[in-house]
Amino acid sequence: IDNADELLETFLETFPEETSPVQLQLLTATVKLFLKKPTERPQQMIQLVLSNATQETDNPDLRDRAYIYWRLLSTDPEAAKDVILSEKPIIADDTSALEPEMLDE
């Protein structure tokens, strides 16, 4: 998305008021944007999000993920790219391959 930074920036204005799942998604999206486009604007955005997520939240999942991202980005940006931008495996539902009797147990 060519204007991803503009789109994300509008959502980041209300980051502290968003629900936890939305905050987690915004954090991840901002980190991915920064890794793919490490210019000044995404750098400012990532600093804002990491600051909010580590200092202004009571959600331990959000805070822990922000600290992990922060540590990865500050120590080894290439490793961060390998971890965060890696190809994700397809999640398959194999419950239909099981016999119905086994599922009932």
C-alpha atoms as a PDB file:
ATOM      1  CA  ILE A   1       0.000   0.000   0.000  1.00  0.00           C
ATOM      2  CA  ASP A   2       1.632   3.160  -1.200  1.00  0.00           C
ATOM      3  CA  ASN A   3       0.117   5.485   1.405  1.00  0.00           C
ATOM      4  CA  ALA A   4       0.269   3.065   4.354  1.00  0.00           C
ATOM      5  CA  ASP A   5       2.029   5.631   6.526  1.00  0.00           C
ATOM      6  CA  GLU A   6      -0.774   8.150   6.004  1.00  0.00           C
ATOM      7  CA  LEU A   7      -3.449   5.564   6.750  1.00  0.00           C
ATOM      8  CA  LEU A   8      -1.699   4.285   9.871  1.00  0.00           C
ATOM      9  CA  GLU A   9      -1.045   7.778  11.142  1.00  0.00           C
ATOM     10  CA  THR A  10      -4.772   8.514  11.368  1.00  0.00           C
ATOM     11  CA  PHE A  11      -5.295   5.397  13.488  1.00  0.00           C
ATOM     12  CA  LEU A  12      -2.306   6.144  15.706  1.00  0.00           C
ATOM     13  CA  GLU A  13      -3.880   9.407  16.840  1.00  0.00           C
ATOM     14  CA  THR A  14      -6.405   7.379  18.845  1.00  0.00           C
ATOM     15  CA  PHE A  15      -4.032   4.540  19.805  1.00  0.00           C
ATOM     16  CA  PRO A  16      -4.484   4.881  23.611  1.00  0.00           C
ATOM     17  CA  GLU A  17      -8.292   4.745  23.299  1.00  0.00           C
ATOM     18  CA  GLU A  18      -8.384   1.683  21.024  1.00  0.00           C
ATOM     19  CA  THR A  19      -9.207  -1.816  22.250  1.00  0.00           C
ATOM     20  CA  SER A  20      -6.346  -4.214  22.988  1.00  0.00           C
ATOM     21  CA  PRO A  21      -6.673  -6.264  19.773  1.00  0.00           C
ATOM     22  CA  VAL A  22      -6.613  -3.068  17.703  1.00  0.00           C
ATOM     23  CA  GLN A  23      -3.580  -1.778  19.618  1.00  0.00           C
ATOM     24  CA  LEU A  24      -1.734  -5.047  18.990  1.00  0.00           C
ATOM     25  CA  GLN A  25      -2.520  -4.850  15.274  1.00  0.00           C
ATOM     26  CA  LEU A  26      -1.478  -1.200  15.069  1.00  0.00           C
ATOM     27  CA  LEU A  27       1.783  -1.999  16.837  1.00  0.00           C
ATOM     28  CA  THR A  28       2.574  -4.837  14.441  1.00  0.00           C
ATOM     29  CA  ALA A  29       1.525  -2.858  11.362  1.00  0.00           C
ATOM     30  CA  THR A  30       3.674   0.107  12.393  1.00  0.00           C
ATOM     31  CA  VAL A  31       6.714  -2.100  13.005  1.00  0.00           C
ATOM     32  CA  LYS A  32       6.233  -3.768   9.611  1.00  0.00           C
ATOM     33  CA  LEU A  33       5.901  -0.383   7.923  1.00  0.00           C
ATOM     34  CA  PHE A  34       9.101   0.825   9.580  1.00  0.00           C
ATOM     35  CA  LEU A  35      10.995  -2.306   8.505  1.00  0.00           C
ATOM     36  CA  LYS A  36       9.801  -2.024   4.913  1.00  0.00           C
ATOM     37  CA  LYS A  37      10.132   1.765   4.665  1.00  0.00           C
ATOM     38  CA  PRO A  38      12.699   3.051   7.215  1.00  0.00           C
ATOM     39  CA  THR A  39      12.230   6.733   6.457  1.00  0.00           C
ATOM     40  CA  GLU A  40      11.732   9.595   8.881  1.00  0.00           C
ATOM     41  CA  ARG A  41       7.930   9.471   9.067  1.00  0.00           C
ATOM     42  CA  PRO A  42       7.657   5.738   9.937  1.00  0.00           C
ATOM     43  CA  GLN A  43      10.524   6.192  12.403  1.00  0.00           C
ATOM     44  CA  GLN A  44       8.539   8.878  14.234  1.00  0.00           C
ATOM     45  CA  MET A  45       5.469   6.670  14.138  1.00  0.00           C
ATOM     46  CA  ILE A  46       7.292   3.666  15.595  1.00  0.00           C
ATOM     47  CA  GLN A  47       8.742   5.766  18.403  1.00  0.00           C
ATOM     48  CA  LEU A  48       5.263   7.042  19.271  1.00  0.00           C
ATOM     49  CA  VAL A  49       3.689   3.584  19.207  1.00  0.00           C
ATOM     50  CA  LEU A  50       6.460   1.924  21.208  1.00  0.00           C
ATOM     51  CA  SER A  51       6.332   4.705  23.763  1.00  0.00           C
ATOM     52  CA  ASN A  52       2.552   4.415  24.144  1.00  0.00           C
ATOM     53  CA  ALA A  53       2.615   0.628  24.212  1.00  0.00           C
ATOM     54  CA  THR A  54       5.343   0.385  26.855  1.00  0.00           C
ATOM     55  CA  GLN A  55       4.528   3.326  29.109  1.00  0.00           C
ATOM     56  CA  GLU A  56       0.841   4.138  28.717  1.00  0.00           C
ATOM     57  CA  THR A  57      -0.818   0.716  28.821  1.00  0.00           C
ATOM     58  CA  ASP A  58      -1.939  -1.731  31.467  1.00  0.00           C
ATOM     59  CA  ASN A  59      -2.134  -4.611  28.984  1.00  0.00           C
ATOM     60  CA  PRO A  60       0.830  -6.953  29.618  1.00  0.00           C
ATOM     61  CA  ASP A  61       0.543  -8.598  26.170  1.00  0.00           C
ATOM     62  CA  LEU A  62       0.803  -5.259  24.384  1.00  0.00           C
ATOM     63  CA  ARG A  63       3.598  -4.034  26.634  1.00  0.00           C
ATOM     64  CA  ASP A  64       5.611  -7.273  26.281  1.00  0.00           C
ATOM     65  CA  ARG A  65       5.246  -7.345  22.504  1.00  0.00           C
ATOM     66  CA  ALA A  66       6.312  -3.699  22.302  1.00  0.00           C
ATOM     67  CA  TYR A  67       9.400  -4.406  24.418  1.00  0.00           C
ATOM     68  CA  ILE A  68      10.290  -7.397  22.241  1.00  0.00           C
ATOM     69  CA  TYR A  69       9.956  -5.314  19.080  1.00  0.00           C
ATOM     70  CA  TRP A  70      11.920  -2.469  20.658  1.00  0.00           C
ATOM     71  CA  ARG A  71      14.746  -4.811  21.677  1.00  0.00           C
ATOM     72  CA  LEU A  72      14.837  -6.484  18.273  1.00  0.00           C
ATOM     73  CA  LEU A  73      14.858  -3.178  16.411  1.00  0.00           C
ATOM     74  CA  SER A  74      17.507  -1.601  18.609  1.00  0.00           C
ATOM     75  CA  THR A  75      19.929  -4.539  18.678  1.00  0.00           C
ATOM     76  CA  ASP A  76      19.642  -6.145  15.251  1.00  0.00           C
ATOM     77  CA  PRO A  77      17.301  -4.635  12.647  1.00  0.00           C
ATOM     78  CA  GLU A  78      18.166  -7.383  10.136  1.00  0.00           C
ATOM     79  CA  ALA A  79      17.129 -10.076  12.620  1.00  0.00           C
ATOM     80  CA  ALA A  80      13.942  -8.092  13.245  1.00  0.00           C
ATOM     81  CA  LYS A  81      13.239  -8.182   9.504  1.00  0.00           C
ATOM     82  CA  ASP A  82      13.860 -11.928   9.404  1.00  0.00           C
ATOM     83  CA  VAL A  83      11.496 -12.547  12.323  1.00  0.00           C
ATOM     84  CA  ILE A  84       8.727 -10.023  11.711  1.00  0.00           C
ATOM     85  CA  LEU A  85       8.576 -10.073   7.911  1.00  0.00           C
ATOM     86  CA  SER A  86       9.082 -13.813   7.498  1.00  0.00           C
ATOM     87  CA  GLU A  87       6.685 -15.955   5.513  1.00  0.00           C
ATOM     88  CA  LYS A  88       4.026 -17.324   7.846  1.00  0.00           C
ATOM     89  CA  PRO A  89       2.894 -20.956   7.507  1.00  0.00           C
ATOM     90  CA  ILE A  90      -0.677 -21.651   6.482  1.00  0.00           C
ATOM     91  CA  ILE A  91      -2.809 -22.771   9.389  1.00  0.00           C
ATOM     92  CA  ALA A  92      -4.799 -25.853   8.476  1.00  0.00           C
ATOM     93  CA  ASP A  93      -7.868 -27.296  10.130  1.00  0.00           C
ATOM     94  CA  ASP A  94      -7.536 -31.062  10.063  1.00  0.00           C
ATOM     95  CA  THR A  95     -10.500 -31.889  12.300  1.00  0.00           C
ATOM     96  CA  SER A  96     -12.462 -33.045   9.244  1.00  0.00           C
ATOM     97  CA  ALA A  97      -9.801 -35.725   8.675  1.00  0.00           C
ATOM     98  CA  LEU A  98     -10.535 -37.303  12.075  1.00  0.00           C
ATOM     99  CA  GLU A  99     -13.184 -39.925  12.556  1.00  0.00           C
ATOM    100  CA  PRO A 100     -16.389 -38.561  14.146  1.00  0.00           C
ATOM    101  CA  GLU A 101     -16.146 -41.142  16.946  1.00  0.00           C
ATOM    102  CA  MET A 102     -12.749 -39.802  17.949  1.00  0.00           C
ATOM    103  CA  LEU A 103     -14.087 -36.234  18.107  1.00  0.00           C
ATOM    104  CA  ASP A 104     -16.950 -37.354  20.367  1.00  0.00           C
ATOM    105  CA  GLU A 105     -14.532 -38.779  22.962  1.00  0.00           C
END
